[in-house]
Amino acid sequence: MKEEKELKLKEAKEARELKQKIRMQNEYKTSSYQVINPEKLKGMSKKQLRNIKKTQVAQNGAVQLVDIYDGKSGMKKILGKKR
């Protein structure tokens, strides 16, 4: 009984992870890209920055889209250094 429940939970977790992986791949496939200068990013409003994503390679080698602005660290994430 306990083993069946654990098995169900494990299968559900694997299904969620697979679904998330497929979702990320599809998001990357459908995205369009444009090179934006850091000077241009500095002049953008918070609302505009929320819509911008950058590509990042995960540890497993998959390319994923990541937000550049989280609201807390601001532009530090974009430029990789403190202002």
N, C-alpha and C. Protein backbone atom coordinates (compact mmCIF):
# COMPACT_ATOMS: atom_id res chain seq x y z
N MET A 1 0.81 -1.18 0.00
CA MET A 1 0.00 0.00 0.00
C MET A 1 0.86 1.26 0.00
N LYS A 2 1.84 1.27 0.89
CA LYS A 2 2.75 2.41 0.97
C LYS A 2 3.62 2.47 -0.29
N GLU A 3 4.06 1.32 -0.75
CA GLU A 3 4.92 1.26 -1.93
C GLU A 3 4.17 1.72 -3.18
N GLU A 4 2.88 1.36 -3.27
CA GLU A 4 2.07 1.79 -4.40
C GLU A 4 1.94 3.31 -4.45
N LYS A 5 1.75 3.90 -3.27
CA LYS A 5 1.62 5.36 -3.18
C LYS A 5 2.93 6.03 -3.59
N GLU A 6 4.05 5.51 -3.11
CA GLU A 6 5.35 6.05 -3.47
C GLU A 6 5.61 5.93 -4.97
N LEU A 7 5.22 4.80 -5.53
CA LEU A 7 5.38 4.58 -6.96
C LEU A 7 4.55 5.57 -7.77
N LYS A 8 3.31 5.81 -7.32
CA LYS A 8 2.44 6.78 -8.00
C LYS A 8 3.06 8.18 -7.96
N LEU A 9 3.57 8.56 -6.78
CA LEU A 9 4.19 9.87 -6.62
C LEU A 9 5.42 10.01 -7.51
N LYS A 10 6.21 8.96 -7.58
CA LYS A 10 7.41 8.99 -8.41
C LYS A 10 7.05 9.13 -9.88
N GLU A 11 6.03 8.39 -10.34
CA GLU A 11 5.59 8.49 -11.73
C GLU A 11 5.04 9.87 -12.03
N ALA A 12 4.30 10.45 -11.10
CA ALA A 12 3.74 11.78 -11.29
C ALA A 12 4.86 12.82 -11.39
N LYS A 13 5.89 12.65 -10.56
CA LYS A 13 7.02 13.58 -10.58
C LYS A 13 7.76 13.50 -11.92
N GLU A 14 7.97 12.29 -12.41
CA GLU A 14 8.65 12.11 -13.70
C GLU A 14 7.82 12.71 -14.83
N ALA A 15 6.51 12.54 -14.77
CA ALA A 15 5.63 13.10 -15.80
C ALA A 15 5.68 14.63 -15.78
N ARG A 16 5.70 15.22 -14.58
CA ARG A 16 5.80 16.68 -14.45
C ARG A 16 7.10 17.20 -15.02
N GLU A 17 8.20 16.51 -14.70
CA GLU A 17 9.51 16.93 -15.19
C GLU A 17 9.59 16.85 -16.72
N LEU A 18 9.04 15.78 -17.28
CA LEU A 18 9.03 15.62 -18.73
C LEU A 18 8.19 16.72 -19.39
N LYS A 19 7.04 17.01 -18.80
CA LYS A 19 6.16 18.05 -19.33
C LYS A 19 6.85 19.42 -19.28
N GLN A 20 7.55 19.70 -18.18
CA GLN A 20 8.27 20.97 -18.04
C GLN A 20 9.39 21.05 -19.06
N LYS A 21 10.09 19.96 -19.31
CA LYS A 21 11.18 19.94 -20.28
C LYS A 21 10.65 20.21 -21.68
N ILE A 22 9.54 19.58 -22.04
CA ILE A 22 8.94 19.79 -23.35
C ILE A 22 8.45 21.23 -23.49
N ARG A 23 7.88 21.77 -22.42
CA ARG A 23 7.40 23.16 -22.44
C ARG A 23 8.55 24.13 -22.68
N MET A 24 9.69 23.90 -22.02
CA MET A 24 10.85 24.77 -22.20
C MET A 24 11.39 24.67 -23.61
N GLN A 25 11.44 23.46 -24.17
CA GLN A 25 11.92 23.28 -25.55
C GLN A 25 11.01 24.00 -26.53
N ASN A 26 9.71 23.89 -26.35
CA ASN A 26 8.77 24.55 -27.24
C ASN A 26 8.84 26.07 -27.13
N GLU A 27 9.05 26.56 -25.91
CA GLU A 27 9.18 28.00 -25.72
C GLU A 27 10.41 28.52 -26.46
N TYR A 28 11.49 27.77 -26.39
CA TYR A 28 12.72 28.18 -27.08
C TYR A 28 12.54 28.13 -28.59
N LYS A 29 11.87 27.09 -29.10
CA LYS A 29 11.66 26.95 -30.54
C LYS A 29 10.83 28.09 -31.12
N THR A 30 9.82 28.53 -30.39
CA THR A 30 8.90 29.54 -30.91
C THR A 30 9.39 30.97 -30.68
N SER A 31 10.47 31.14 -29.95
CA SER A 31 10.93 32.49 -29.64
C SER A 31 11.69 33.10 -30.81
N SER A 32 11.63 34.41 -30.88
CA SER A 32 12.44 35.15 -31.84
C SER A 32 13.49 35.91 -31.03
N TYR A 33 14.58 36.26 -31.67
CA TYR A 33 15.63 36.92 -30.90
C TYR A 33 16.12 38.18 -31.60
N GLN A 34 16.71 39.04 -30.79
CA GLN A 34 17.26 40.30 -31.27
C GLN A 34 18.39 40.67 -30.32
N VAL A 35 19.49 41.16 -30.85
CA VAL A 35 20.62 41.57 -30.02
C VAL A 35 20.35 43.00 -29.54
N ILE A 36 20.41 43.18 -28.22
CA ILE A 36 20.13 44.49 -27.62
C ILE A 36 21.37 44.94 -26.86
N ASN A 37 21.78 46.17 -27.09
CA ASN A 37 22.95 46.73 -26.40
C ASN A 37 22.63 47.00 -24.93
N PRO A 38 23.62 46.83 -24.04
CA PRO A 38 23.39 47.11 -22.61
C PRO A 38 22.98 48.57 -22.36
N GLU A 39 23.45 49.49 -23.19
CA GLU A 39 23.08 50.90 -23.01
C GLU A 39 21.57 51.07 -23.22
N LYS A 40 21.04 50.34 -24.17
CA LYS A 40 19.61 50.41 -24.46
C LYS A 40 18.81 49.80 -23.31
N LEU A 41 19.35 48.74 -22.72
CA LEU A 41 18.67 48.09 -21.60
C LEU A 41 18.58 49.00 -20.39
N LYS A 42 19.61 49.80 -20.17
CA LYS A 42 19.62 50.68 -19.01
C LYS A 42 18.49 51.71 -19.08
N GLY A 43 18.10 52.10 -20.28
CA GLY A 43 17.06 53.10 -20.44
C GLY A 43 15.65 52.54 -20.45
N MET A 44 15.51 51.23 -20.40
CA MET A 44 14.19 50.61 -20.45
C MET A 44 13.50 50.64 -19.08
N SER A 45 12.18 50.66 -19.11
CA SER A 45 11.41 50.64 -17.87
C SER A 45 11.34 49.20 -17.34
N LYS A 46 10.89 49.07 -16.11
CA LYS A 46 10.77 47.75 -15.49
C LYS A 46 9.78 46.89 -16.27
N LYS A 47 8.73 47.51 -16.75
CA LYS A 47 7.70 46.77 -17.49
C LYS A 47 8.28 46.17 -18.77
N GLN A 48 9.12 46.94 -19.45
CA GLN A 48 9.75 46.45 -20.68
C GLN A 48 10.75 45.34 -20.38
N LEU A 49 11.49 45.48 -19.29
CA LEU A 49 12.51 44.49 -18.93
C LEU A 49 11.90 43.14 -18.56
N ARG A 50 10.68 43.15 -18.06
CA ARG A 50 10.03 41.89 -17.70
C ARG A 50 9.76 41.01 -18.91
N ASN A 51 9.64 41.64 -20.08
CA ASN A 51 9.33 40.89 -21.30
C ASN A 51 10.58 40.35 -22.00
N ILE A 52 11.75 40.73 -21.55
CA ILE A 52 12.99 40.32 -22.20
C ILE A 52 13.55 39.09 -21.50
N LYS A 53 14.00 38.13 -22.29
CA LYS A 53 14.63 36.93 -21.75
C LYS A 53 15.96 36.71 -22.46
N LYS A 54 16.86 36.03 -21.79
CA LYS A 54 18.14 35.68 -22.42
C LYS A 54 18.28 34.17 -22.43
N THR A 55 19.12 33.67 -23.31
CA THR A 55 19.34 32.23 -23.38
C THR A 55 20.43 31.84 -22.40
N GLN A 56 20.28 30.67 -21.82
CA GLN A 56 21.25 30.15 -20.88
C GLN A 56 21.32 28.64 -21.06
N VAL A 57 22.52 28.11 -21.00
CA VAL A 57 22.70 26.67 -21.15
C VAL A 57 22.67 26.04 -19.76
N ALA A 58 21.77 25.09 -19.57
CA ALA A 58 21.64 24.40 -18.29
C ALA A 58 22.76 23.37 -18.14
N GLN A 59 22.86 22.79 -16.97
CA GLN A 59 23.91 21.81 -16.69
C GLN A 59 23.77 20.57 -17.56
N ASN A 60 22.54 20.24 -17.95
CA ASN A 60 22.34 19.06 -18.78
C ASN A 60 22.56 19.35 -20.26
N GLY A 61 22.91 20.59 -20.60
CA GLY A 61 23.21 20.96 -21.98
C GLY A 61 22.04 21.53 -22.75
N ALA A 62 20.87 21.60 -22.13
CA ALA A 62 19.69 22.15 -22.81
C ALA A 62 19.71 23.67 -22.74
N VAL A 63 19.32 24.29 -23.83
CA VAL A 63 19.24 25.75 -23.87
C VAL A 63 17.87 26.16 -23.34
N GLN A 64 17.86 27.13 -22.42
CA GLN A 64 16.60 27.58 -21.86
C GLN A 64 16.55 29.11 -21.84
N LEU A 65 15.35 29.66 -21.79
CA LEU A 65 15.15 31.09 -21.72
C LEU A 65 15.00 31.49 -20.26
N VAL A 66 15.71 32.56 -19.85
CA VAL A 66 15.72 33.00 -18.46
C VAL A 66 15.42 34.49 -18.42
N ASP A 67 14.62 34.92 -17.44
CA ASP A 67 14.33 36.34 -17.27
C ASP A 67 15.61 37.07 -16.91
N ILE A 68 15.75 38.30 -17.42
CA ILE A 68 16.94 39.07 -17.09
C ILE A 68 16.68 40.03 -15.94
N TYR A 69 15.43 40.30 -15.66
CA TYR A 69 15.08 41.25 -14.61
C TYR A 69 14.17 40.58 -13.62
N ASP A 70 14.59 40.54 -12.35
CA ASP A 70 13.75 39.91 -11.34
C ASP A 70 13.13 40.92 -10.38
N GLY A 71 13.43 42.20 -10.56
CA GLY A 71 12.84 43.22 -9.70
C GLY A 71 13.65 43.51 -8.46
N LYS A 72 14.43 42.55 -7.98
CA LYS A 72 15.20 42.75 -6.75
C LYS A 72 16.61 43.23 -7.06
N SER A 73 17.31 42.49 -7.91
CA SER A 73 18.69 42.86 -8.20
C SER A 73 18.77 43.83 -9.36
N GLY A 74 17.66 44.04 -10.06
CA GLY A 74 17.63 45.01 -11.15
C GLY A 74 18.57 44.65 -12.27
N MET A 75 19.41 45.59 -12.65
CA MET A 75 20.29 45.43 -13.80
C MET A 75 21.54 44.63 -13.47
N LYS A 76 21.79 44.30 -12.22
CA LYS A 76 22.99 43.55 -11.86
C LYS A 76 23.04 42.23 -12.63
N LYS A 77 21.87 41.59 -12.79
CA LYS A 77 21.80 40.32 -13.47
C LYS A 77 22.21 40.46 -14.94
N ILE A 78 21.83 41.57 -15.54
CA ILE A 78 22.09 41.79 -16.96
C ILE A 78 23.58 42.03 -17.20
N LEU A 79 24.14 42.94 -16.43
CA LEU A 79 25.52 43.35 -16.65
C LEU A 79 26.52 42.46 -15.93
N GLY A 80 26.08 41.71 -14.96
CA GLY A 80 26.96 40.80 -14.25
C GLY A 80 27.85 41.48 -13.24
N LYS A 81 27.54 42.72 -12.89
CA LYS A 81 28.33 43.43 -11.89
C LYS A 81 27.45 44.46 -11.19
N LYS A 82 27.94 44.98 -10.09
CA LYS A 82 27.18 46.00 -9.36
C LYS A 82 27.35 47.35 -10.04
N ARG A 83 26.34 48.17 -9.88
CA ARG A 83 26.44 49.53 -10.44
C ARG A 83 27.23 50.43 -9.54
